[in-house]
Amino acid sequence: IAYCSQFMTLEPGDIITTGTPPGVGMGQKPEPWYLKAGDVVTLGIEKLGEQRQDFVAWTPRG
């Protein structure tokens, strides 16, 4: 919280997302798996709304 507040004003009700819980990505058994182009992640909180992230392949700018 202290780190984030150096760059932005935090207000009551603000949410700071800090990553993923154990057992995802590298923690998957028997093989780890990671997000890739075409995957969709949706995060929602009742009465606040929903975010959706569509993953696309990285392409260098030239």
Protein backbone atom coordinates (compact mmCIF):
# COMPACT_ATOMS: atom_id res chain seq x y z
CA ILE A 1 0.00 0.00 0.00
CA ALA A 2 2.81 2.40 0.86
CA TYR A 3 4.53 1.71 -2.48
CA CYS A 4 1.35 2.24 -4.53
CA SER A 5 0.47 5.42 -2.66
CA GLN A 6 3.75 6.97 -3.88
CA PHE A 7 2.33 7.06 -7.41
CA MET A 8 -1.41 7.58 -6.94
CA THR A 9 -3.93 8.84 -4.45
CA LEU A 10 -5.71 5.91 -2.86
CA GLU A 11 -9.33 6.38 -1.87
CA PRO A 12 -11.57 4.24 0.36
CA GLY A 13 -12.75 1.25 -1.67
CA ASP A 14 -9.76 1.24 -4.04
CA ILE A 15 -8.53 -2.25 -4.88
CA ILE A 16 -4.88 -3.19 -5.34
CA THR A 17 -4.50 -6.50 -7.16
CA THR A 18 -1.30 -8.26 -6.16
CA GLY A 19 -1.03 -11.30 -8.39
CA THR A 20 -2.15 -14.87 -8.38
CA PRO A 21 -2.54 -17.35 -5.52
CA PRO A 22 -0.35 -20.46 -5.17
CA GLY A 23 -1.17 -23.35 -7.48
CA VAL A 24 -1.56 -21.40 -10.71
CA GLY A 25 0.87 -21.04 -13.61
CA MET A 26 4.21 -22.45 -12.51
CA GLY A 27 2.55 -24.28 -9.59
CA GLN A 28 0.32 -26.45 -11.79
CA LYS A 29 1.00 -30.18 -11.59
CA PRO A 30 2.13 -32.25 -13.38
CA GLU A 31 3.08 -29.53 -15.94
CA PRO A 32 3.06 -25.75 -15.45
CA TRP A 33 0.91 -23.72 -17.82
CA TYR A 34 0.85 -20.02 -18.61
CA LEU A 35 -1.47 -17.53 -20.27
CA LYS A 36 -1.14 -17.35 -24.04
CA ALA A 37 -2.60 -15.48 -26.99
CA GLY A 38 -6.33 -16.18 -27.25
CA ASP A 39 -6.84 -16.70 -23.49
CA VAL A 40 -9.37 -14.51 -21.68
CA VAL A 41 -9.26 -13.61 -17.98
CA THR A 42 -12.31 -12.12 -16.28
CA LEU A 43 -12.28 -10.60 -12.79
CA GLY A 44 -15.48 -9.51 -11.13
CA ILE A 45 -16.70 -8.20 -7.82
CA GLU A 46 -20.40 -8.25 -7.04
CA LYS A 47 -21.98 -4.77 -7.21
CA LEU A 48 -18.73 -3.24 -8.53
CA GLY A 49 -18.47 -4.70 -12.00
CA GLU A 50 -16.20 -6.85 -14.07
CA GLN A 51 -12.89 -6.55 -15.94
CA ARG A 52 -11.96 -8.63 -18.96
CA GLN A 53 -8.47 -9.06 -20.36
CA ASP A 54 -8.03 -10.64 -23.81
CA PHE A 55 -4.49 -11.90 -24.35
CA VAL A 56 -2.88 -11.22 -27.72
CA ALA A 57 0.49 -12.15 -29.15
CA TRP A 58 3.22 -9.54 -28.71
CA THR A 59 4.48 -8.00 -31.91
CA PRO A 60 7.47 -5.66 -32.03
CA ARG A 61 6.93 -2.16 -33.38
CA GLY A 62 9.09 -1.23 -36.29
